[in-house]
Protein backbone atom coordinates (compact mmCIF):
# COMPACT_ATOMS: atom_id res chain seq x y z
CA MET A 1 -23.18 -29.46 56.48
CA GLU A 2 -24.81 -26.89 54.24
CA GLN A 3 -21.49 -25.01 53.93
CA TYR A 4 -19.70 -28.24 52.97
CA GLU A 5 -22.29 -28.94 50.25
CA GLN A 6 -21.89 -25.41 48.87
CA ILE A 7 -18.09 -25.86 48.68
CA ARG A 8 -18.53 -29.25 46.97
CA ARG A 9 -20.86 -27.77 44.35
CA GLN A 10 -18.45 -24.88 43.68
CA LEU A 11 -15.57 -27.33 43.18
CA THR A 12 -17.73 -29.33 40.74
CA ILE A 13 -18.46 -26.15 38.77
CA TYR A 14 -14.75 -25.19 38.72
CA GLU A 15 -13.75 -28.68 37.60
CA THR A 16 -16.37 -28.71 34.82
CA LEU A 17 -15.32 -25.25 33.67
CA ILE A 18 -11.62 -26.14 33.56
CA ASN A 19 -12.27 -29.32 31.58
CA GLU A 20 -14.63 -27.65 29.08
CA ILE A 21 -12.18 -24.88 28.16
CA ASP A 22 -10.68 -25.46 24.70
CA ALA A 23 -7.12 -24.91 25.96
CA GLY A 24 -4.71 -26.90 28.04
CA ILE A 25 -4.56 -25.95 31.74
CA HIS A 26 -1.55 -26.97 33.82
CA VAL A 27 -1.04 -25.73 37.39
CA ILE A 28 1.90 -26.51 39.68
CA ASP A 29 2.30 -25.73 43.37
CA GLU A 30 5.17 -23.88 45.04
CA TYR A 31 7.21 -27.11 45.04
CA GLY A 32 6.89 -27.68 41.27
CA LYS A 33 4.38 -30.54 41.58
CA THR A 34 1.30 -30.69 39.33
CA ILE A 35 -1.99 -30.02 41.12
CA ILE A 36 -4.35 -29.25 38.20
CA TYR A 37 -4.22 -30.94 34.77
CA ASN A 38 -7.33 -30.61 32.59
CA ASP A 39 -8.79 -32.83 29.86
CA LYS A 40 -7.45 -30.69 27.00
CA MET A 41 -3.90 -30.87 28.37
CA MET A 42 -4.25 -34.66 28.60
CA GLU A 43 -5.27 -34.68 24.92
CA ILE A 44 -2.39 -32.41 23.84
CA GLU A 45 0.31 -34.37 25.66
CA SER A 46 -1.24 -37.87 25.39
CA LEU A 47 -0.86 -38.39 29.14
CA SER A 48 -3.31 -39.32 31.89
CA ARG A 49 -3.81 -37.45 35.14
CA GLU A 50 -2.23 -40.35 36.99
CA ASP A 51 0.94 -39.81 34.90
CA VAL A 52 1.21 -36.16 35.96
CA LEU A 53 -0.69 -35.25 39.13
CA ASN A 54 1.42 -34.87 42.27
CA LYS A 55 4.57 -35.59 40.24
CA ASP A 56 7.58 -33.30 39.98
CA PHE A 57 7.21 -31.30 36.75
CA LEU A 58 10.76 -31.99 35.49
CA ASP A 59 10.33 -35.74 36.04
CA ILE A 60 7.65 -35.75 33.33
CA PHE A 61 8.73 -33.07 30.86
CA LYS A 62 12.09 -32.38 29.21
CA PHE A 63 13.27 -29.27 27.39
CA LYS A 64 15.91 -28.65 24.73
CA ASP A 65 19.32 -27.33 25.73
CA LYS A 66 19.26 -23.71 26.92
CA GLN A 67 15.45 -23.68 26.83
CA GLY A 68 13.64 -23.49 30.12
CA SER A 69 10.03 -24.08 31.04
CA THR A 70 7.79 -21.01 30.98
CA LEU A 71 5.81 -22.58 33.82
CA LEU A 72 8.89 -22.88 36.07
CA GLU A 73 10.02 -19.38 35.05
CA ALA A 74 6.67 -18.07 36.29
CA LEU A 75 7.07 -19.96 39.57
CA HIS A 76 10.73 -19.18 40.33
CA HIS A 77 11.19 -15.78 38.66
CA GLN A 78 7.63 -14.36 38.66
CA LYS A 79 7.87 -14.09 34.86
CA VAL A 80 4.62 -13.55 32.97
CA SER A 81 4.60 -14.88 29.37
CA ALA A 82 1.99 -14.13 26.71
CA GLN A 83 1.72 -15.97 23.39
CA LYS A 84 5.12 -17.62 23.81
CA LYS A 85 5.90 -20.64 21.63
CA GLN A 86 7.53 -23.57 23.42
CA THR A 87 8.70 -26.98 22.23
CA TYR A 88 9.30 -29.76 24.75
CA PHE A 89 9.16 -33.55 25.17
CA THR A 90 7.10 -35.80 27.42
CA LYS A 91 8.72 -38.58 29.42
CA GLY A 92 7.69 -40.97 26.64
CA GLY A 93 9.56 -38.90 24.04
CA LYS A 94 6.60 -37.23 22.32
CA GLU A 95 7.46 -33.78 20.91
CA ILE A 96 4.92 -31.05 21.74
CA THR A 97 4.76 -27.43 20.55
CA THR A 98 2.36 -25.02 22.24
CA MET A 99 1.61 -21.31 22.40
CA ASN A 100 1.48 -20.45 26.10
CA ARG A 101 0.17 -17.83 28.46
CA THR A 102 1.89 -18.36 31.80
CA PHE A 103 1.77 -16.48 35.11
CA PRO A 104 2.50 -16.95 38.82
CA ILE A 105 -0.31 -17.46 41.38
CA TYR A 106 -0.22 -15.32 44.53
CA ASP A 107 -1.80 -15.66 47.94
CA GLY A 108 -1.35 -12.13 49.13
CA GLU A 109 2.35 -11.46 48.62
CA ASN A 110 3.34 -15.12 48.62
CA ILE A 111 3.69 -17.21 45.46
CA ILE A 112 1.84 -20.47 45.90
CA GLY A 113 2.13 -21.82 42.35
CA ALA A 114 2.04 -21.08 38.64
CA MET A 115 -0.48 -21.62 35.86
CA GLU A 116 -0.12 -22.23 32.13
CA VAL A 117 -2.83 -21.90 29.48
CA ALA A 118 -1.67 -23.68 26.31
CA LYS A 119 -2.85 -23.93 22.70
CA ASP A 120 -1.58 -26.92 20.73
CA VAL A 121 0.30 -25.95 17.52
CA THR A 122 2.26 -29.19 17.15
CA LYS A 123 0.69 -30.26 13.85
CA LEU A 124 0.94 -26.75 12.40
CA GLU A 125 4.62 -26.53 13.38
CA GLN A 126 5.35 -29.93 11.83
CA LEU A 127 3.49 -28.97 8.64
CA ILE A 128 5.48 -25.73 8.33
CA ARG A 129 8.73 -27.61 8.92
CA ARG A 130 7.82 -30.26 6.34
CA ASN A 131 6.88 -27.66 3.74
CA MET A 132 10.14 -25.79 4.33
CA GLU A 133 12.08 -29.02 3.84
CA GLN A 134 10.23 -29.73 0.60
CA LYS A 135 10.61 -26.19 -0.73
CA GLY A 136 14.28 -25.87 0.22
CA ASN A 137 15.12 -22.16 0.26
CA THR A 138 11.78 -21.06 -1.23
CA ARG A 139 8.93 -20.13 1.05
CA TYR A 140 6.50 -18.24 -1.20
CA THR A 141 3.60 -19.66 -3.18
CA PHE A 142 0.63 -18.00 -4.89
CA ASP A 143 -1.17 -18.10 -1.54
CA SER A 144 1.51 -15.73 -0.22
CA ILE A 145 0.47 -12.96 -2.63
CA ILE A 146 -1.87 -10.59 -0.82
CA GLY A 147 -4.43 -8.55 -2.71
CA GLY A 148 -7.77 -8.76 -4.44
CA SER A 149 -7.59 -5.77 -6.76
CA GLN A 150 -8.08 -6.26 -10.48
CA ALA A 151 -4.50 -5.10 -11.15
CA ILE A 152 -2.88 -7.76 -8.97
CA SER A 153 -5.45 -10.47 -9.76
CA GLU A 154 -4.69 -10.24 -13.49
CA VAL A 155 -0.96 -10.57 -12.87
CA ILE A 156 -1.50 -13.58 -10.59
CA GLU A 157 -3.61 -15.25 -13.28
CA HIS A 158 -0.96 -14.66 -15.95
CA THR A 159 1.76 -15.86 -13.59
CA LYS A 160 -0.07 -19.11 -12.87
CA ARG A 161 -0.18 -19.84 -16.59
CA ALA A 162 3.60 -19.43 -16.72
CA THR A 163 4.05 -22.42 -14.39
CA ARG A 164 3.09 -24.87 -17.15
CA THR A 165 6.16 -24.42 -19.37
CA PRO A 166 9.95 -24.02 -18.95
CA SER A 167 10.01 -20.74 -20.91
CA SER A 168 12.07 -17.79 -19.64
CA VAL A 169 10.16 -15.19 -17.62
CA LEU A 170 10.98 -11.50 -17.22
CA ILE A 171 9.36 -9.86 -14.20
CA VAL A 172 9.15 -6.07 -14.46
CA GLY A 173 8.38 -4.01 -11.39
CA GLU A 174 9.59 -1.17 -9.21
CA THR A 175 11.72 -1.90 -6.17
CA GLY A 176 9.62 -3.31 -3.34
CA THR A 177 6.71 -4.65 -5.41
CA GLY A 178 7.47 -8.30 -4.59
CA LYS A 179 9.14 -9.60 -7.74
CA GLU A 180 10.92 -12.48 -5.97
CA LEU A 181 7.62 -13.52 -4.40
CA PHE A 182 6.23 -14.04 -7.91
CA ALA A 183 9.41 -15.81 -9.05
CA GLN A 184 9.27 -18.29 -6.16
CA SER A 185 5.54 -18.83 -6.77
CA ILE A 186 6.27 -19.79 -10.40
CA HIS A 187 8.96 -22.25 -9.29
CA ASN A 188 6.81 -23.79 -6.54
CA GLY A 189 3.83 -24.07 -8.89
CA SER A 190 5.80 -25.79 -11.65
CA ASP A 191 7.00 -29.36 -12.12
CA ARG A 192 10.46 -28.14 -11.04
CA THR A 193 9.33 -27.54 -7.46
CA GLN A 194 11.38 -30.45 -6.07
CA ARG A 195 14.52 -29.20 -7.81
CA PRO A 196 16.74 -26.27 -6.69
CA PHE A 197 15.69 -22.63 -6.73
CA ILE A 198 18.79 -20.43 -6.87
CA SER A 199 18.59 -16.63 -6.59
CA GLN A 200 21.33 -14.11 -7.38
CA ASN A 201 21.18 -10.32 -7.20
CA CYS A 202 23.26 -9.21 -10.19
CA ALA A 203 23.83 -5.75 -8.71
CA ALA A 204 25.38 -7.12 -5.54
CA MET A 205 28.67 -8.23 -7.09
CA PRO A 206 31.26 -6.77 -9.52
CA ASP A 207 31.31 -8.27 -13.03
CA THR A 208 34.57 -10.13 -12.46
CA LEU A 209 33.06 -11.97 -9.52
CA ILE A 210 29.52 -12.44 -10.83
CA GLU A 211 30.83 -14.25 -13.92
CA SER A 212 32.59 -16.88 -11.83
CA ILE A 213 29.54 -17.14 -9.56
CA LEU A 214 27.24 -17.80 -12.53
CA PHE A 215 29.42 -20.07 -14.63
CA GLY A 216 31.95 -21.51 -12.18
CA THR A 217 35.73 -21.74 -12.43
CA SER A 218 38.27 -24.31 -13.54
CA LYS A 219 41.38 -25.03 -11.50
CA GLY A 220 44.26 -22.84 -12.69
CA ALA A 221 42.04 -20.36 -14.53
CA PHE A 222 43.75 -17.64 -12.51
CA THR A 223 46.00 -17.47 -9.47
CA GLY A 224 44.31 -19.28 -6.61
CA ALA A 225 41.40 -20.53 -8.75
CA THR A 226 39.85 -23.85 -7.71
CA GLU A 227 37.44 -26.24 -9.39
CA LYS A 228 34.08 -24.71 -8.52
CA ILE A 229 30.62 -25.10 -10.04
CA GLY A 230 28.55 -22.01 -10.76
CA LEU A 231 24.92 -21.20 -10.13
CA PHE A 232 23.80 -22.60 -13.50
CA GLU A 233 25.09 -26.04 -12.53
CA GLN A 234 23.80 -25.72 -8.96
CA ALA A 235 20.31 -25.00 -10.33
CA GLU A 236 20.34 -28.05 -12.63
CA GLY A 237 16.77 -29.18 -13.28
CA GLY A 238 15.39 -26.22 -11.34
CA THR A 239 15.12 -22.45 -11.58
CA LEU A 240 17.71 -19.68 -11.62
CA LEU A 241 16.48 -16.22 -10.63
CA LEU A 242 18.65 -13.34 -11.87
CA ASP A 243 17.59 -10.21 -9.99
CA GLU A 244 18.25 -6.73 -11.47
CA ILE A 245 19.46 -8.16 -14.77
CA ASN A 246 19.98 -4.63 -16.13
CA SER A 247 22.93 -4.10 -13.76
CA LEU A 248 25.13 -6.59 -15.67
CA SER A 249 27.71 -5.20 -18.11
CA PRO A 250 27.01 -5.61 -21.87
CA THR A 251 29.89 -8.13 -22.11
CA LEU A 252 28.47 -10.33 -19.39
CA GLN A 253 24.96 -9.96 -20.84
CA ALA A 254 26.36 -11.37 -24.12
CA LYS A 255 27.81 -14.40 -22.30
CA LEU A 256 24.53 -14.92 -20.49
CA LEU A 257 22.64 -14.75 -23.80
CA ARG A 258 24.87 -17.46 -25.25
CA ALA A 259 24.35 -19.71 -22.22
CA ILE A 260 20.57 -19.37 -22.49
CA GLN A 261 20.51 -19.94 -26.26
CA GLU A 262 22.89 -22.91 -26.26
CA LYS A 263 21.60 -24.34 -22.97
CA SER A 264 25.22 -24.86 -21.98
CA ILE A 265 27.88 -23.06 -19.98
CA ARG A 266 31.66 -22.99 -19.92
CA ARG A 267 33.46 -22.48 -16.63
CA ILE A 268 36.09 -19.72 -16.55
CA GLY A 269 39.40 -21.15 -17.72
CA ASP A 270 37.83 -24.35 -19.02
CA THR A 271 37.58 -25.70 -22.59
CA ILE A 272 34.53 -27.91 -22.06
CA ASP A 273 30.92 -26.85 -22.66
CA ARG A 274 28.54 -28.36 -20.12
CA LYS A 275 24.85 -28.85 -20.86
CA VAL A 276 22.45 -27.38 -18.32
CA ASP A 277 18.70 -27.69 -17.86
CA VAL A 278 17.72 -24.51 -16.04
CA ARG A 279 14.69 -22.28 -16.24
CA ILE A 280 15.66 -18.60 -16.20
CA ILE A 281 13.53 -16.06 -14.38
CA SER A 282 14.91 -12.52 -14.37
CA THR A 283 13.74 -9.25 -12.87
CA ILE A 284 14.21 -5.61 -13.77
CA ASN A 285 13.20 -2.59 -11.68
CA GLU A 286 12.69 -0.13 -14.55
CA ASP A 287 10.92 0.06 -17.89
CA PRO A 288 12.88 -2.40 -20.08
CA ILE A 289 12.38 -0.18 -23.14
CA GLU A 290 14.08 2.70 -21.31
CA ALA A 291 16.85 0.32 -20.19
CA ILE A 292 17.42 -0.74 -23.81
CA ALA A 293 17.36 2.87 -25.07
CA GLU A 294 19.97 3.86 -22.46
CA ASN A 295 22.15 0.78 -23.16
CA ARG A 296 21.62 -0.88 -19.80
CA LEU A 297 19.96 -3.93 -21.36
CA ARG A 298 20.85 -5.66 -24.63
CA LYS A 299 17.89 -5.87 -26.97
CA ASP A 300 18.67 -9.47 -28.01
CA LEU A 301 18.93 -10.56 -24.35
CA PHE A 302 15.63 -8.83 -23.59
CA TYR A 303 13.86 -10.82 -26.33
CA ARG A 304 15.37 -14.05 -25.03
CA LEU A 305 14.45 -13.35 -21.40
CA SER A 306 10.95 -11.99 -22.03
CA VAL A 307 9.29 -15.00 -23.63
CA VAL A 308 6.81 -14.44 -20.82
CA SER A 309 6.66 -10.87 -19.47
CA LEU A 310 4.98 -10.03 -16.17
CA PHE A 311 4.43 -6.43 -15.08
CA ILE A 312 3.95 -6.16 -11.32
CA PRO A 313 1.84 -3.09 -10.49
CA ALA A 314 3.22 -0.50 -8.08
CA LEU A 315 1.33 -0.14 -4.81
CA LYS A 316 0.01 3.28 -5.89
CA GLU A 317 -1.75 1.47 -8.77
CA ARG A 318 -3.57 -0.92 -6.41
CA LYS A 319 -4.27 1.11 -3.29
CA GLU A 320 -7.45 -0.87 -2.66
CA ASP A 321 -5.15 -3.71 -1.51
CA ILE A 322 -3.60 -1.60 1.26
CA PRO A 323 -6.11 -2.65 3.99
CA LEU A 324 -5.42 -6.33 3.29
CA LEU A 325 -1.67 -5.76 3.30
CA VAL A 326 -1.86 -3.76 6.54
CA GLU A 327 -3.89 -6.52 8.19
CA SER A 328 -1.38 -9.14 7.07
CA PHE A 329 1.67 -7.19 8.28
CA ILE A 330 0.06 -6.42 11.64
CA GLY A 331 -0.70 -10.13 12.05
CA LYS A 332 2.89 -11.00 11.19
CA TYR A 333 4.43 -8.58 13.67
CA ASN A 334 1.84 -9.34 16.36
CA GLN A 335 3.16 -12.89 16.33
CA LEU A 336 6.80 -11.85 16.03
CA PHE A 337 6.63 -9.18 18.75
CA ARG A 338 4.02 -11.03 20.88
CA MET A 339 1.63 -8.09 20.65
CA ASP A 340 -2.13 -7.70 20.15
CA VAL A 341 -2.47 -4.64 17.90
CA LEU A 342 -5.94 -4.64 16.33
CA GLY A 343 -5.29 -2.41 13.30
CA VAL A 344 -4.80 1.20 12.20
CA THR A 345 -7.08 4.15 12.76
CA GLU A 346 -9.19 5.66 9.98
CA GLU A 347 -6.91 8.70 9.91
CA VAL A 348 -3.92 6.45 9.22
CA HIS A 349 -5.89 4.68 6.49
CA GLU A 350 -6.56 8.08 4.92
CA ILE A 351 -2.84 8.95 4.98
CA PHE A 352 -2.06 5.60 3.38
CA ARG A 353 -4.66 6.29 0.66
CA GLN A 354 -3.12 9.69 -0.14
CA TYR A 355 0.51 8.57 -0.13
CA ASP A 356 2.14 7.46 -3.41
CA TRP A 357 4.33 4.70 -1.90
CA PRO A 358 7.60 5.09 -3.83
CA GLY A 359 8.96 2.10 -1.86
CA ASN A 360 5.85 0.04 -2.63
CA VAL A 361 4.78 -2.95 -0.50
CA ARG A 362 8.20 -3.19 1.14
CA GLU A 363 7.88 0.42 2.37
CA LEU A 364 4.40 -0.27 3.75
CA GLU A 365 5.70 -3.29 5.67
CA HIS A 366 8.60 -1.30 7.11
CA ILE A 367 6.22 1.48 8.21
CA ILE A 368 3.95 -1.03 9.97
CA GLU A 369 6.95 -2.68 11.66
CA GLY A 370 8.31 0.71 12.74
CA ALA A 371 4.91 1.84 14.06
CA MET A 372 4.50 -1.35 16.11
CA ASN A 373 7.85 -0.69 17.73
CA LEU A 374 6.37 2.57 19.06
CA VAL A 375 3.11 1.04 20.30
CA ILE A 376 3.13 0.47 24.06
CA ASP A 377 -0.33 -0.13 25.53
CA GLU A 378 -2.44 1.06 22.59
CA GLU A 379 -4.61 -1.32 20.58
CA TRP A 380 -4.54 0.75 17.39
CA ILE A 381 -1.76 2.30 15.31
CA ASP A 382 -2.47 6.03 15.03
CA VAL A 383 -0.76 8.99 13.35
CA SER A 384 1.61 9.48 16.29
CA HIS A 385 3.18 6.09 15.54
CA LEU A 386 3.98 6.91 11.91
CA PRO A 387 7.41 8.20 10.84
CA TYR A 388 7.68 11.96 10.42
CA SER A 389 8.86 11.52 6.83
CA LEU A 390 5.54 9.90 5.85
CA LYS A 391 3.39 12.59 7.45
CA ASN A 392 5.61 15.30 5.90
CA LYS A 393 5.51 13.77 2.41
CA THR A 394 1.74 13.41 2.60
CA HIS A 395 1.47 17.14 3.39
CA LEU A 396 3.80 18.03 0.51
CA LEU A 397 1.85 15.79 -1.83
CA LYS A 398 -1.29 17.81 -1.18
CA GLN A 399 0.61 21.00 -2.01
CA THR A 400 2.31 19.84 -5.21
CA VAL A 401 -0.84 18.59 -6.88
CA THR A 402 -2.80 21.77 -6.16
CA ALA A 403 -2.33 23.39 -9.58
CA PRO A 404 -3.28 20.36 -11.72
CA VAL A 405 -6.25 19.58 -9.45
CA ARG A 406 -7.49 23.19 -9.68
CA GLU A 407 -7.44 22.90 -13.46
CA ILE A 408 -9.48 19.69 -13.30
CA GLU A 409 -12.02 21.37 -11.01
CA ASN A 410 -12.34 24.22 -13.56
CA PHE A 411 -12.67 21.83 -16.48
CA ASN A 412 -16.19 22.96 -17.42
CA ASP A 413 -15.11 26.63 -17.42
CA GLN A 414 -12.30 26.14 -19.96
CA ALA A 415 -13.00 27.60 -23.36
CA GLU A 416 -10.87 24.95 -25.09
CA PRO A 417 -10.31 21.89 -22.88
CA ARG A 418 -7.08 20.10 -23.75
CA ILE A 419 -6.81 16.45 -24.68
CA LEU A 420 -5.77 14.07 -21.88
CA LYS A 421 -2.32 13.40 -23.32
CA ASP A 422 -1.39 17.11 -23.25
CA TYR A 423 -2.76 17.53 -19.75
CA LEU A 424 -0.82 14.53 -18.38
CA HIS A 425 2.32 15.80 -20.10
CA GLU A 426 2.01 19.17 -18.36
CA ALA A 427 1.02 17.65 -14.99
CA GLU A 428 4.08 15.40 -15.03
CA ARG A 429 6.30 18.33 -15.96
CA TYR A 430 4.81 20.43 -13.16
CA TYR A 431 5.27 17.68 -10.54
CA ILE A 432 8.89 16.94 -11.52
CA ASN A 433 9.74 20.67 -11.48
CA LYS A 434 8.29 21.00 -7.96
CA ALA A 435 10.40 18.08 -6.74
CA LEU A 436 13.53 19.54 -8.35
CA GLU A 437 12.87 22.98 -6.82
CA LYS A 438 12.37 21.44 -3.40
CA HIS A 439 15.73 19.65 -3.58
CA LYS A 440 17.52 22.62 -5.20
CA TYR A 441 17.87 20.64 -8.43
CA HIS A 442 19.76 17.77 -6.79
CA LYS A 443 18.61 15.07 -9.20
CA THR A 444 19.37 12.05 -7.01
CA ASN A 445 17.35 13.41 -4.07
CA ALA A 446 14.49 14.50 -6.33
CA ALA A 447 14.43 11.08 -8.03
CA THR A 448 14.28 9.33 -4.63
CA GLU A 449 11.25 11.36 -3.55
CA LEU A 450 9.55 10.72 -6.89
CA GLY A 451 10.22 6.98 -6.62
CA LEU A 452 12.42 6.94 -9.73
CA SER A 453 16.00 6.06 -10.48
CA ARG A 454 18.31 8.97 -11.33
CA GLN A 455 18.61 7.67 -14.91
CA THR A 456 14.84 7.47 -15.33
CA LEU A 457 14.42 11.00 -13.97
CA GLN A 458 17.02 12.29 -16.44
CA TYR A 459 15.22 10.51 -19.26
CA ARG A 460 11.89 12.06 -18.28
CA MET A 461 13.45 15.53 -17.90
CA LYS A 462 14.87 15.26 -21.42
CA ARG A 463 11.51 14.11 -22.80
CA LEU A 464 9.67 16.93 -21.01
CA ASN A 465 12.27 19.61 -21.97
CA ILE A 466 13.12 20.33 -18.35
CA GLU A 467 16.51 22.05 -18.03
């Protein structure tokens, strides 16, 4: 009798524990019938125990085509799942989305059932889906911009002000700084948010094709031409993002200038001007003044596009944001890869602090993604997970700055200290020369390592009298 009472008390404790856990618990036996179904699972699925207990699992729950149950996979195939998202329907037609941890239950070597621990993400999934439907093909808002440094905070503040008007915006920033993120944030923060957001990379197409893409074509304009609207008309009432505007030919830049000034376009081969209401946001990945000086950007188009100018800082100018960015990317790929990486080691943080990030935020994300592909059982990303090129460049960086740093350290010993402008001029010249020597004066390779375009490197070499 005493043994029976002890067993009864243990069962009461187990039952209380299972029902107090803030996660759904669903256990089936070796025949696929439910034997445990806790209070939280009842709440998630809006079912009672009487609806589920001792019933065949597939009589109660239905799954989309080609999608199986993780619980049955654990029972029939001994498959263990961790943090796996699953969408299914109850017998009454209610749609449920959960994040599951599922595993088989063994009695010695025999499988006697399977257990699922589920977190309800139905409302979150529906909210994400609804927001995506409202935003169309835009997914970024100001909340998507990661960073708390003064450099990025000032740009965010200026960008938010640009949402109030339909004025043209020119976003200046190196490749990988997140220019489209800012462009989408402006669109989604403006009164045009319910209208189309159309994006076109101007460097991705030849001029003959990009013109028809932007302005459309009239039937018979050329052999095989059909009546087709261009991006200006597709973006009516919304926003048109023109990425890498400096890659357009001067002739096409002139046509674009006319369209913006007249607020009208003419399809290729047509004789009719069509009014358009489109806000233009454009981006450029180099100093616009250099682009104008080297005839890659028309001055009059620049003035028309840059009513509002935003300068996105390079990652090397806001390194204090790197820990936040690293945390965000690890969280993203933890979910995508179903991993539980906690972070990066202090040594990796130090490498990140030293590195100049020529590829900016995009390069940092790619490095985190690559490192997580190499993580197996570790909880932290360490130096062994980083690409060799990063570790090598960090070592070279220490070497190339040695001379300028030594001069700074000896500043108090100099008889006639130079003004900052002269020092920076010489330091830049020294650094570029080192890069050129390393790559045997192959300008394209040297420019890539320095994080510059070949044209910008040539411009700087000319300015610094480097042969």
